[in-house]
Amino acid sequence: QIDLEAPIYEMSAAALAEAFDTFVMEQPRVERVAGTVDAGHITYVQRTEALGMPDYITVQFFDLGDTTTSTLALYTRSRFGYSDMGVNEARARSWLKSIESFAE
């Protein structure tokens, strides 16, 4: 388990949710399995390329006192097994880094 500092974005939680969802749905082998952009709480599943094993990614978006800044909480985990060989941490870091480019 790894905890990263929650980034702050110069946009509303609603706009961040929309941009994040668009980005995630463009990733390979991803589907939305629960929640909605409008609800600001979404769970995705991304399957591994070789065996199709599911990893679940849940994200929730928050306005920070107004609608000009926001943040998110992201939780990613493997559905089966004991070790993911660092895949979920790498995904979280990669997706958060990608968000920086469209949230500026």
PDB file of N, CA and C in Angstrom:
ATOM      1  N   GLN A   1       0.852  -1.179   0.000  1.00  0.00           N
ATOM      2  CA  GLN A   1       0.000   0.000   0.000  1.00  0.00           C
ATOM      3  C   GLN A   1       0.887   1.227   0.000  1.00  0.00           C
ATOM      4  N   ILE A   2       0.504   2.213  -0.792  1.00  0.00           N
ATOM      5  CA  ILE A   2       1.248   3.471  -0.846  1.00  0.00           C
ATOM      6  C   ILE A   2       0.270   4.628  -0.755  1.00  0.00           C
ATOM      7  N   ASP A   3       0.646   5.629  -0.011  1.00  0.00           N
ATOM      8  CA  ASP A   3      -0.161   6.840   0.092  1.00  0.00           C
ATOM      9  C   ASP A   3       0.602   7.973  -0.558  1.00  0.00           C
ATOM     10  N   LEU A   4      -0.044   8.638  -1.486  1.00  0.00           N
ATOM     11  CA  LEU A   4       0.536   9.790  -2.158  1.00  0.00           C
ATOM     12  C   LEU A   4      -0.202  11.041  -1.719  1.00  0.00           C
ATOM     13  N   GLU A   5       0.466  12.163  -1.741  1.00  0.00           N
ATOM     14  CA  GLU A   5      -0.191  13.422  -1.414  1.00  0.00           C
ATOM     15  C   GLU A   5      -1.232  13.748  -2.478  1.00  0.00           C
ATOM     16  N   ALA A   6      -2.401  14.159  -2.032  1.00  0.00           N
ATOM     17  CA  ALA A   6      -3.479  14.487  -2.970  1.00  0.00           C
ATOM     18  C   ALA A   6      -3.127  15.771  -3.720  1.00  0.00           C
ATOM     19  N   PRO A   7      -3.113  15.708  -5.039  1.00  0.00           N
ATOM     20  CA  PRO A   7      -2.821  16.906  -5.831  1.00  0.00           C
ATOM     21  C   PRO A   7      -4.004  17.873  -5.806  1.00  0.00           C
ATOM     22  N   ILE A   8      -3.717  19.131  -6.042  1.00  0.00           N
ATOM     23  CA  ILE A   8      -4.756  20.159  -6.130  1.00  0.00           C
ATOM     24  C   ILE A   8      -4.780  20.658  -7.570  1.00  0.00           C
ATOM     25  N   TYR A   9      -5.973  20.749  -8.122  1.00  0.00           N
ATOM     26  CA  TYR A   9      -6.158  21.152  -9.512  1.00  0.00           C
ATOM     27  C   TYR A   9      -6.926  22.463  -9.582  1.00  0.00           C
ATOM     28  N   GLU A  10      -6.575  23.293 -10.543  1.00  0.00           N
ATOM     29  CA  GLU A  10      -7.229  24.587 -10.746  1.00  0.00           C
ATOM     30  C   GLU A  10      -8.448  24.414 -11.646  1.00  0.00           C
ATOM     31  N   MET A  11      -9.397  23.633 -11.193  1.00  0.00           N
ATOM     32  CA  MET A  11     -10.646  23.392 -11.913  1.00  0.00           C
ATOM     33  C   MET A  11     -11.641  22.798 -10.936  1.00  0.00           C
ATOM     34  N   SER A  12     -12.895  22.828 -11.301  1.00  0.00           N
ATOM     35  CA  SER A  12     -13.924  22.262 -10.434  1.00  0.00           C
ATOM     36  C   SER A  12     -13.811  20.739 -10.398  1.00  0.00           C
ATOM     37  N   ALA A  13     -14.367  20.133  -9.373  1.00  0.00           N
ATOM     38  CA  ALA A  13     -14.393  18.676  -9.279  1.00  0.00           C
ATOM     39  C   ALA A  13     -15.169  18.080 -10.455  1.00  0.00           C
ATOM     40  N   ALA A  14     -16.239  18.751 -10.873  1.00  0.00           N
ATOM     41  CA  ALA A  14     -17.031  18.257 -12.007  1.00  0.00           C
ATOM     42  C   ALA A  14     -16.203  18.241 -13.287  1.00  0.00           C
ATOM     43  N   ALA A  15     -15.442  19.302 -13.535  1.00  0.00           N
ATOM     44  CA  ALA A  15     -14.598  19.366 -14.731  1.00  0.00           C
ATOM     45  C   ALA A  15     -13.464  18.346 -14.648  1.00  0.00           C
ATOM     46  N   LEU A  16     -12.897  18.183 -13.459  1.00  0.00           N
ATOM     47  CA  LEU A  16     -11.842  17.198 -13.265  1.00  0.00           C
ATOM     48  C   LEU A  16     -12.367  15.786 -13.504  1.00  0.00           C
ATOM     49  N   ALA A  17     -13.550  15.496 -12.986  1.00  0.00           N
ATOM     50  CA  ALA A  17     -14.157  14.174 -13.181  1.00  0.00           C
ATOM     51  C   ALA A  17     -14.374  13.884 -14.664  1.00  0.00           C
ATOM     52  N   GLU A  18     -14.863  14.861 -15.385  1.00  0.00           N
ATOM     53  CA  GLU A  18     -15.107  14.689 -16.823  1.00  0.00           C
ATOM     54  C   GLU A  18     -13.802  14.432 -17.571  1.00  0.00           C
ATOM     55  N   ALA A  19     -12.774  15.227 -17.292  1.00  0.00           N
ATOM     56  CA  ALA A  19     -11.488  15.064 -17.968  1.00  0.00           C
ATOM     57  C   ALA A  19     -10.835  13.736 -17.595  1.00  0.00           C
ATOM     58  N   PHE A  20     -10.906  13.379 -16.325  1.00  0.00           N
ATOM     59  CA  PHE A  20     -10.319  12.123 -15.860  1.00  0.00           C
ATOM     60  C   PHE A  20     -10.998  10.926 -16.525  1.00  0.00           C
ATOM     61  N   ASP A  21     -12.324  10.934 -16.560  1.00  0.00           N
ATOM     62  CA  ASP A  21     -13.068   9.835 -17.162  1.00  0.00           C
ATOM     63  C   ASP A  21     -12.727   9.693 -18.648  1.00  0.00           C
ATOM     64  N   THR A  22     -12.638  10.801 -19.351  1.00  0.00           N
ATOM     65  CA  THR A  22     -12.269  10.755 -20.768  1.00  0.00           C
ATOM     66  C   THR A  22     -10.899  10.119 -20.935  1.00  0.00           C
ATOM     67  N   PHE A  23      -9.951  10.540 -20.111  1.00  0.00           N
ATOM     68  CA  PHE A  23      -8.597   9.982 -20.165  1.00  0.00           C
ATOM     69  C   PHE A  23      -8.605   8.478 -19.877  1.00  0.00           C
ATOM     70  N   VAL A  24      -9.267   8.080 -18.799  1.00  0.00           N
ATOM     71  CA  VAL A  24      -9.255   6.673 -18.390  1.00  0.00           C
ATOM     72  C   VAL A  24      -9.920   5.780 -19.433  1.00  0.00           C
ATOM     73  N   MET A  25     -11.015   6.231 -20.005  1.00  0.00           N
ATOM     74  CA  MET A  25     -11.725   5.398 -20.977  1.00  0.00           C
ATOM     75  C   MET A  25     -10.941   5.228 -22.279  1.00  0.00           C
ATOM     76  N   GLU A  26      -9.882   6.011 -22.466  1.00  0.00           N
ATOM     77  CA  GLU A  26      -9.003   5.849 -23.618  1.00  0.00           C
ATOM     78  C   GLU A  26      -7.871   4.856 -23.346  1.00  0.00           C
ATOM     79  N   GLN A  27      -7.748   4.408 -22.098  1.00  0.00           N
ATOM     80  CA  GLN A  27      -6.694   3.464 -21.738  1.00  0.00           C
ATOM     81  C   GLN A  27      -7.081   2.066 -22.211  1.00  0.00           C
ATOM     82  N   PRO A  28      -6.089   1.217 -22.468  1.00  0.00           N
ATOM     83  CA  PRO A  28      -6.402  -0.131 -22.964  1.00  0.00           C
ATOM     84  C   PRO A  28      -7.094  -1.000 -21.915  1.00  0.00           C
ATOM     85  N   ARG A  29      -8.050  -1.799 -22.366  1.00  0.00           N
ATOM     86  CA  ARG A  29      -8.718  -2.825 -21.564  1.00  0.00           C
ATOM     87  C   ARG A  29      -9.403  -2.267 -20.322  1.00  0.00           C
ATOM     88  N   VAL A  30      -9.982  -1.074 -20.429  1.00  0.00           N
ATOM     89  CA  VAL A  30     -10.666  -0.427 -19.303  1.00  0.00           C
ATOM     90  C   VAL A  30     -12.159  -0.364 -19.569  1.00  0.00           C
ATOM     91  N   GLU A  31     -12.931  -0.607 -18.526  1.00  0.00           N
ATOM     92  CA  GLU A  31     -14.368  -0.356 -18.595  1.00  0.00           C
ATOM     93  C   GLU A  31     -14.829   0.255 -17.280  1.00  0.00           C
ATOM     94  N   ARG A  32     -15.849   1.069 -17.363  1.00  0.00           N
ATOM     95  CA  ARG A  32     -16.469   1.684 -16.190  1.00  0.00           C
ATOM     96  C   ARG A  32     -17.451   0.665 -15.620  1.00  0.00           C
ATOM     97  N   VAL A  33     -17.331   0.344 -14.328  1.00  0.00           N
ATOM     98  CA  VAL A  33     -18.188  -0.694 -13.751  1.00  0.00           C
ATOM     99  C   VAL A  33     -19.139  -0.173 -12.670  1.00  0.00           C
ATOM    100  N   ALA A  34     -18.912   1.020 -12.172  1.00  0.00           N
ATOM    101  CA  ALA A  34     -19.800   1.593 -11.153  1.00  0.00           C
ATOM    102  C   ALA A  34     -19.597   3.097 -11.108  1.00  0.00           C
ATOM    103  N   GLY A  35     -20.638   3.794 -10.665  1.00  0.00           N
ATOM    104  CA  GLY A  35     -20.563   5.235 -10.518  1.00  0.00           C
ATOM    105  C   GLY A  35     -20.698   5.966 -11.837  1.00  0.00           C
ATOM    106  N   THR A  36     -20.680   7.292 -11.727  1.00  0.00           N
ATOM    107  CA  THR A  36     -20.803   8.153 -12.905  1.00  0.00           C
ATOM    108  C   THR A  36     -19.967   9.407 -12.719  1.00  0.00           C
ATOM    109  N   VAL A  37     -19.715  10.059 -13.833  1.00  0.00           N
ATOM    110  CA  VAL A  37     -19.030  11.352 -13.779  1.00  0.00           C
ATOM    111  C   VAL A  37     -19.868  12.333 -12.966  1.00  0.00           C
ATOM    112  N   ASP A  38     -21.172  12.363 -13.219  1.00  0.00           N
ATOM    113  CA  ASP A  38     -22.051  13.295 -12.502  1.00  0.00           C
ATOM    114  C   ASP A  38     -22.051  13.055 -10.992  1.00  0.00           C
ATOM    115  N   ALA A  39     -21.918  11.811 -10.574  1.00  0.00           N
ATOM    116  CA  ALA A  39     -21.873  11.490  -9.148  1.00  0.00           C
ATOM    117  C   ALA A  39     -20.520  11.845  -8.536  1.00  0.00           C
ATOM    118  N   GLY A  40     -19.497  11.977  -9.377  1.00  0.00           N
ATOM    119  CA  GLY A  40     -18.164  12.305  -8.873  1.00  0.00           C
ATOM    120  C   GLY A  40     -17.483  11.141  -8.177  1.00  0.00           C
ATOM    121  N   HIS A  41     -17.942   9.936  -8.442  1.00  0.00           N
ATOM    122  CA  HIS A  41     -17.391   8.726  -7.825  1.00  0.00           C
ATOM    123  C   HIS A  41     -17.518   7.602  -8.841  1.00  0.00           C
ATOM    124  N   ILE A  42     -16.382   7.055  -9.299  1.00  0.00           N
ATOM    125  CA  ILE A  42     -16.391   6.077 -10.389  1.00  0.00           C
ATOM    126  C   ILE A  42     -15.446   4.930 -10.053  1.00  0.00           C
ATOM    127  N   THR A  43     -15.848   3.724 -10.414  1.00  0.00           N
ATOM    128  CA  THR A  43     -14.959   2.571 -10.338  1.00  0.00           C
ATOM    129  C   THR A  43     -14.797   2.002 -11.744  1.00  0.00           C
ATOM    130  N   TYR A  44     -13.541   1.754 -12.093  1.00  0.00           N
ATOM    131  CA  TYR A  44     -13.181   1.170 -13.377  1.00  0.00           C
ATOM    132  C   TYR A  44     -12.541  -0.196 -13.127  1.00  0.00           C
ATOM    133  N   VAL A  45     -12.526  -1.030 -14.140  1.00  0.00           N
ATOM    134  CA  VAL A  45     -11.724  -2.243 -14.116  1.00  0.00           C
ATOM    135  C   VAL A  45     -10.812  -2.198 -15.335  1.00  0.00           C
ATOM    136  N   GLN A  46      -9.549  -2.491 -15.092  1.00  0.00           N
ATOM    137  CA  GLN A  46      -8.585  -2.608 -16.186  1.00  0.00           C
ATOM    138  C   GLN A  46      -8.003  -4.012 -16.101  1.00  0.00           C
ATOM    139  N   ARG A  47      -8.082  -4.724 -17.196  1.00  0.00           N
ATOM    140  CA  ARG A  47      -7.613  -6.118 -17.228  1.00  0.00           C
ATOM    141  C   ARG A  47      -6.174  -6.184 -17.736  1.00  0.00           C
ATOM    142  N   THR A  48      -5.425  -7.111 -17.157  1.00  0.00           N
ATOM    143  CA  THR A  48      -4.049  -7.301 -17.595  1.00  0.00           C
ATOM    144  C   THR A  48      -4.030  -7.803 -19.033  1.00  0.00           C
ATOM    145  N   GLU A  49      -2.979  -7.454 -19.729  1.00  0.00           N
ATOM    146  CA  GLU A  49      -2.891  -7.804 -21.135  1.00  0.00           C
ATOM    147  C   GLU A  49      -2.763  -9.315 -21.338  1.00  0.00           C
ATOM    148  N   ALA A  50      -1.905  -9.972 -20.577  1.00  0.00           N
ATOM    149  CA  ALA A  50      -1.614 -11.386 -20.819  1.00  0.00           C
ATOM    150  C   ALA A  50      -2.759 -12.314 -20.413  1.00  0.00           C
ATOM    151  N   LEU A  51      -3.254 -12.178 -19.186  1.00  0.00           N
ATOM    152  CA  LEU A  51      -4.239 -13.126 -18.669  1.00  0.00           C
ATOM    153  C   LEU A  51      -5.632 -12.552 -18.473  1.00  0.00           C
ATOM    154  N   GLY A  52      -5.769 -11.253 -18.655  1.00  0.00           N
ATOM    155  CA  GLY A  52      -7.073 -10.624 -18.482  1.00  0.00           C
ATOM    156  C   GLY A  52      -7.523 -10.542 -17.038  1.00  0.00           C
ATOM    157  N   MET A  53      -6.575 -10.558 -16.094  1.00  0.00           N
ATOM    158  CA  MET A  53      -6.912 -10.459 -14.671  1.00  0.00           C
ATOM    159  C   MET A  53      -7.364  -9.033 -14.355  1.00  0.00           C
ATOM    160  N   PRO A  54      -8.401  -8.878 -13.533  1.00  0.00           N
ATOM    161  CA  PRO A  54      -8.940  -7.543 -13.278  1.00  0.00           C
ATOM    162  C   PRO A  54      -8.225  -6.800 -12.144  1.00  0.00           C
ATOM    163  N   ASP A  55      -7.951  -5.533 -12.396  1.00  0.00           N
ATOM    164  CA  ASP A  55      -7.538  -4.586 -11.365  1.00  0.00           C
ATOM    165  C   ASP A  55      -8.646  -3.547 -11.283  1.00  0.00           C
ATOM    166  N   TYR A  56      -9.032  -3.185 -10.072  1.00  0.00           N
ATOM    167  CA  TYR A  56     -10.096  -2.203  -9.871  1.00  0.00           C
ATOM    168  C   TYR A  56      -9.501  -0.870  -9.467  1.00  0.00           C
ATOM    169  N   ILE A  57     -10.029   0.199 -10.039  1.00  0.00           N
ATOM    170  CA  ILE A  57      -9.575   1.558  -9.764  1.00  0.00           C
ATOM    171  C   ILE A  57     -10.801   2.383  -9.397  1.00  0.00           C
ATOM    172  N   THR A  58     -10.815   2.913  -8.182  1.00  0.00           N
ATOM    173  CA  THR A  58     -11.927   3.741  -7.727  1.00  0.00           C
ATOM    174  C   THR A  58     -11.407   5.146  -7.498  1.00  0.00           C
ATOM    175  N   VAL A  59     -12.163   6.117  -7.958  1.00  0.00           N
ATOM    176  CA  VAL A  59     -11.754   7.514  -7.807  1.00  0.00           C
ATOM    177  C   VAL A  59     -12.952   8.349  -7.378  1.00  0.00           C
ATOM    178  N   GLN A  60     -12.687   9.296  -6.493  1.00  0.00           N
ATOM    179  CA  GLN A  60     -13.712  10.242  -6.053  1.00  0.00           C
ATOM    180  C   GLN A  60     -13.127  11.643  -6.156  1.00  0.00           C
ATOM    181  N   PHE A  61     -13.959  12.574  -6.579  1.00  0.00           N
ATOM    182  CA  PHE A  61     -13.532  13.946  -6.844  1.00  0.00           C
ATOM    183  C   PHE A  61     -14.149  14.889  -5.810  1.00  0.00           C
ATOM    184  N   PHE A  62     -13.374  15.899  -5.377  1.00  0.00           N
ATOM    185  CA  PHE A  62     -13.817  16.808  -4.327  1.00  0.00           C
ATOM    186  C   PHE A  62     -13.510  18.258  -4.692  1.00  0.00           C
ATOM    187  N   ASP A  63     -14.496  19.137  -4.551  1.00  0.00           N
ATOM    188  CA  ASP A  63     -14.226  20.569  -4.614  1.00  0.00           C
ATOM    189  C   ASP A  63     -13.569  20.967  -3.296  1.00  0.00           C
ATOM    190  N   LEU A  64     -12.671  21.942  -3.366  1.00  0.00           N
ATOM    191  CA  LEU A  64     -11.972  22.414  -2.168  1.00  0.00           C
ATOM    192  C   LEU A  64     -12.496  23.782  -1.759  1.00  0.00           C
ATOM    193  N   GLY A  65     -13.626  23.808  -1.128  1.00  0.00           N
ATOM    194  CA  GLY A  65     -14.175  25.040  -0.605  1.00  0.00           C
ATOM    195  C   GLY A  65     -14.923  25.902  -1.600  1.00  0.00           C
ATOM    196  N   ASP A  66     -14.635  25.761  -2.852  1.00  0.00           N
ATOM    197  CA  ASP A  66     -15.339  26.496  -3.898  1.00  0.00           C
ATOM    198  C   ASP A  66     -15.300  25.643  -5.157  1.00  0.00           C
ATOM    199  N   THR A  67     -15.614  26.207  -6.286  1.00  0.00           N
ATOM    200  CA  THR A  67     -15.589  25.400  -7.517  1.00  0.00           C
ATOM    201  C   THR A  67     -14.424  25.775  -8.429  1.00  0.00           C
ATOM    202  N   THR A  68     -13.390  26.406  -7.868  1.00  0.00           N
ATOM    203  CA  THR A  68     -12.237  26.760  -8.692  1.00  0.00           C
ATOM    204  C   THR A  68     -11.036  25.857  -8.441  1.00  0.00           C
ATOM    205  N   THR A  69     -11.058  25.092  -7.357  1.00  0.00           N
ATOM    206  CA  THR A  69      -9.992  24.119  -7.091  1.00  0.00           C
ATOM    207  C   THR A  69     -10.612  22.808  -6.636  1.00  0.00           C
ATOM    208  N   SER A  70      -9.909  21.728  -6.942  1.00  0.00           N
ATOM    209  CA  SER A  70     -10.423  20.409  -6.589  1.00  0.00           C
ATOM    210  C   SER A  70      -9.271  19.448  -6.355  1.00  0.00           C
ATOM    211  N   THR A  71      -9.619  18.268  -5.882  1.00  0.00           N
ATOM    212  CA  THR A  71      -8.659  17.188  -5.718  1.00  0.00           C
ATOM    213  C   THR A  71      -9.389  15.881  -5.934  1.00  0.00           C
ATOM    214  N   LEU A  72      -8.657  14.795  -5.814  1.00  0.00           N
ATOM    215  CA  LEU A  72      -9.268  13.487  -5.968  1.00  0.00           C
ATOM    216  C   LEU A  72      -8.613  12.491  -5.035  1.00  0.00           C
ATOM    217  N   ALA A  73      -9.337  11.417  -4.774  1.00  0.00           N
ATOM    218  CA  ALA A  73      -8.803  10.270  -4.047  1.00  0.00           C
ATOM    219  C   ALA A  73      -8.867   9.093  -5.008  1.00  0.00           C
ATOM    220  N   LEU A  74      -7.748   8.406  -5.180  1.00  0.00           N
ATOM    221  CA  LEU A  74      -7.668   7.303  -6.117  1.00  0.00           C
ATOM    222  C   LEU A  74      -7.194   6.061  -5.371  1.00  0.00           C
ATOM    223  N   TYR A  75      -7.909   4.960  -5.562  1.00  0.00           N
ATOM    224  CA  TYR A  75      -7.577   3.693  -4.916  1.00  0.00           C
ATOM    225  C   TYR A  75      -7.564   2.607  -5.983  1.00  0.00           C
ATOM    226  N   THR A  76      -6.426   1.961  -6.167  1.00  0.00           N
ATOM    227  CA  THR A  76      -6.301   0.930  -7.186  1.00  0.00           C
ATOM    228  C   THR A  76      -5.783  -0.344  -6.553  1.00  0.00           C
ATOM    229  N   ARG A  77      -6.375  -1.473  -6.958  1.00  0.00           N
ATOM    230  CA  ARG A  77      -6.021  -2.740  -6.328  1.00  0.00           C
ATOM    231  C   ARG A  77      -6.302  -3.907  -7.273  1.00  0.00           C
ATOM    232  N   SER A  78      -5.580  -4.995  -7.020  1.00  0.00           N
ATOM    233  CA  SER A  78      -5.789  -6.239  -7.762  1.00  0.00           C
ATOM    234  C   SER A  78      -6.969  -6.978  -7.163  1.00  0.00           C
ATOM    235  N   ARG A  79      -7.709  -7.655  -7.994  1.00  0.00           N
ATOM    236  CA  ARG A  79      -8.857  -8.432  -7.517  1.00  0.00           C
ATOM    237  C   ARG A  79      -8.409  -9.782  -6.976  1.00  0.00           C
ATOM    238  N   PHE A  80      -7.395 -10.368  -7.590  1.00  0.00           N
ATOM    239  CA  PHE A  80      -6.923 -11.692  -7.198  1.00  0.00           C
ATOM    240  C   PHE A  80      -5.430 -11.647  -6.894  1.00  0.00           C
ATOM    241  N   GLY A  81      -4.986 -12.531  -6.013  1.00  0.00           N
ATOM    242  CA  GLY A  81      -3.565 -12.669  -5.726  1.00  0.00           C
ATOM    243  C   GLY A  81      -3.112 -11.819  -4.557  1.00  0.00           C
ATOM    244  N   TYR A  82      -1.838 -11.980  -4.232  1.00  0.00           N
ATOM    245  CA  TYR A  82      -1.254 -11.292  -3.084  1.00  0.00           C
ATOM    246  C   TYR A  82      -0.307 -10.174  -3.482  1.00  0.00           C
ATOM    247  N   SER A  83       0.281 -10.274  -4.628  1.00  0.00           N
ATOM    248  CA  SER A  83       1.231  -9.258  -5.075  1.00  0.00           C
ATOM    249  C   SER A  83       0.903  -8.866  -6.508  1.00  0.00           C
ATOM    250  N   ASP A  84       1.016  -7.591  -6.771  1.00  0.00           N
ATOM    251  CA  ASP A  84       0.746  -7.118  -8.130  1.00  0.00           C
ATOM    252  C   ASP A  84       2.021  -6.678  -8.836  1.00  0.00           C
ATOM    253  N   MET A  85       3.168  -6.931  -8.190  1.00  0.00           N
ATOM    254  CA  MET A  85       4.472  -6.595  -8.766  1.00  0.00           C
ATOM    255  C   MET A  85       4.604  -5.094  -9.033  1.00  0.00           C
ATOM    256  N   GLY A  86       3.916  -4.265  -8.258  1.00  0.00           N
ATOM    257  CA  GLY A  86       4.020  -2.816  -8.394  1.00  0.00           C
ATOM    258  C   GLY A  86       3.153  -2.199  -9.477  1.00  0.00           C
ATOM    259  N   VAL A  87       2.308  -2.999 -10.117  1.00  0.00           N
ATOM    260  CA  VAL A  87       1.490  -2.512 -11.227  1.00  0.00           C
ATOM    261  C   VAL A  87       0.518  -1.425 -10.781  1.00  0.00           C
ATOM    262  N   ASN A  88      -0.148  -1.612  -9.656  1.00  0.00           N
ATOM    263  CA  ASN A  88      -1.150  -0.631  -9.222  1.00  0.00           C
ATOM    264  C   ASN A  88      -0.516   0.694  -8.816  1.00  0.00           C
ATOM    265  N   GLU A  89       0.614   0.647  -8.140  1.00  0.00           N
ATOM    266  CA  GLU A  89       1.309   1.880  -7.800  1.00  0.00           C
ATOM    267  C   GLU A  89       1.757   2.606  -9.062  1.00  0.00           C
ATOM    268  N   ALA A  90       2.303   1.865 -10.010  1.00  0.00           N
ATOM    269  CA  ALA A  90       2.754   2.471 -11.269  1.00  0.00           C
ATOM    270  C   ALA A  90       1.577   3.105 -12.008  1.00  0.00           C
ATOM    271  N   ARG A  91       0.429   2.423 -12.008  1.00  0.00           N
ATOM    272  CA  ARG A  91      -0.764   2.967 -12.664  1.00  0.00           C
ATOM    273  C   ARG A  91      -1.183   4.273 -11.993  1.00  0.00           C
ATOM    274  N   ALA A  92      -1.262   4.260 -10.668  1.00  0.00           N
ATOM    275  CA  ALA A  92      -1.678   5.461  -9.941  1.00  0.00           C
ATOM    276  C   ALA A  92      -0.745   6.633 -10.259  1.00  0.00           C
ATOM    277  N   ARG A  93       0.539   6.398 -10.197  1.00  0.00           N
ATOM    278  CA  ARG A  93       1.507   7.471 -10.479  1.00  0.00           C
ATOM    279  C   ARG A  93       1.390   7.955 -11.931  1.00  0.00           C
ATOM    280  N   SER A  94       1.257   7.025 -12.852  1.00  0.00           N
ATOM    281  CA  SER A  94       1.149   7.382 -14.267  1.00  0.00           C
ATOM    282  C   SER A  94      -0.119   8.171 -14.550  1.00  0.00           C
ATOM    283  N   TRP A  95      -1.249   7.710 -14.035  1.00  0.00           N
ATOM    284  CA  TRP A  95      -2.511   8.408 -14.281  1.00  0.00           C
ATOM    285  C   TRP A  95      -2.504   9.788 -13.636  1.00  0.00           C
ATOM    286  N   LEU A  96      -1.967   9.899 -12.415  1.00  0.00           N
ATOM    287  CA  LEU A  96      -1.907  11.211 -11.768  1.00  0.00           C
ATOM    288  C   LEU A  96      -0.994  12.153 -12.551  1.00  0.00           C
ATOM    289  N   LYS A  97       0.113  11.644 -13.052  1.00  0.00           N
ATOM    290  CA  LYS A  97       1.011  12.477 -13.856  1.00  0.00           C
ATOM    291  C   LYS A  97       0.317  12.921 -15.147  1.00  0.00           C
ATOM    292  N   SER A  98      -0.431  12.029 -15.770  1.00  0.00           N
ATOM    293  CA  SER A  98      -1.154  12.376 -16.999  1.00  0.00           C
ATOM    294  C   SER A  98      -2.207  13.438 -16.738  1.00  0.00           C
ATOM    295  N   ILE A  99      -2.831  13.384 -15.589  1.00  0.00           N
ATOM    296  CA  ILE A  99      -3.865  14.375 -15.239  1.00  0.00           C
ATOM    297  C   ILE A  99      -3.253  15.772 -15.195  1.00  0.00           C
ATOM    298  N   GLU A 100      -2.013  15.881 -14.743  1.00  0.00           N
ATOM    299  CA  GLU A 100      -1.368  17.189 -14.679  1.00  0.00           C
ATOM    300  C   GLU A 100      -1.417  17.893 -16.030  1.00  0.00           C
ATOM    301  N   SER A 101      -1.257  17.150 -17.114  1.00  0.00           N
ATOM    302  CA  SER A 101      -1.197  17.765 -18.436  1.00  0.00           C
ATOM    303  C   SER A 101      -2.534  18.314 -18.906  1.00  0.00           C
ATOM    304  N   PHE A 102      -3.650  17.714 -18.523  1.00  0.00           N
ATOM    305  CA  PHE A 102      -4.923  18.246 -18.987  1.00  0.00           C
ATOM    306  C   PHE A 102      -5.644  19.067 -17.942  1.00  0.00           C
ATOM    307  N   ALA A 103      -5.072  19.169 -16.749  1.00  0.00           N
ATOM    308  CA  ALA A 103      -5.719  19.943 -15.691  1.00  0.00           C
ATOM    309  C   ALA A 103      -5.080  21.318 -15.533  1.00  0.00           C
ATOM    310  N   GLU A 104      -4.142  21.657 -16.387  1.00  0.00           N
ATOM    311  CA  GLU A 104      -3.487  22.975 -16.273  1.00  0.00           C
ATOM    312  C   GLU A 104      -4.308  24.062 -16.937  1.00  0.00           C
TER     313      GLU A 104
END
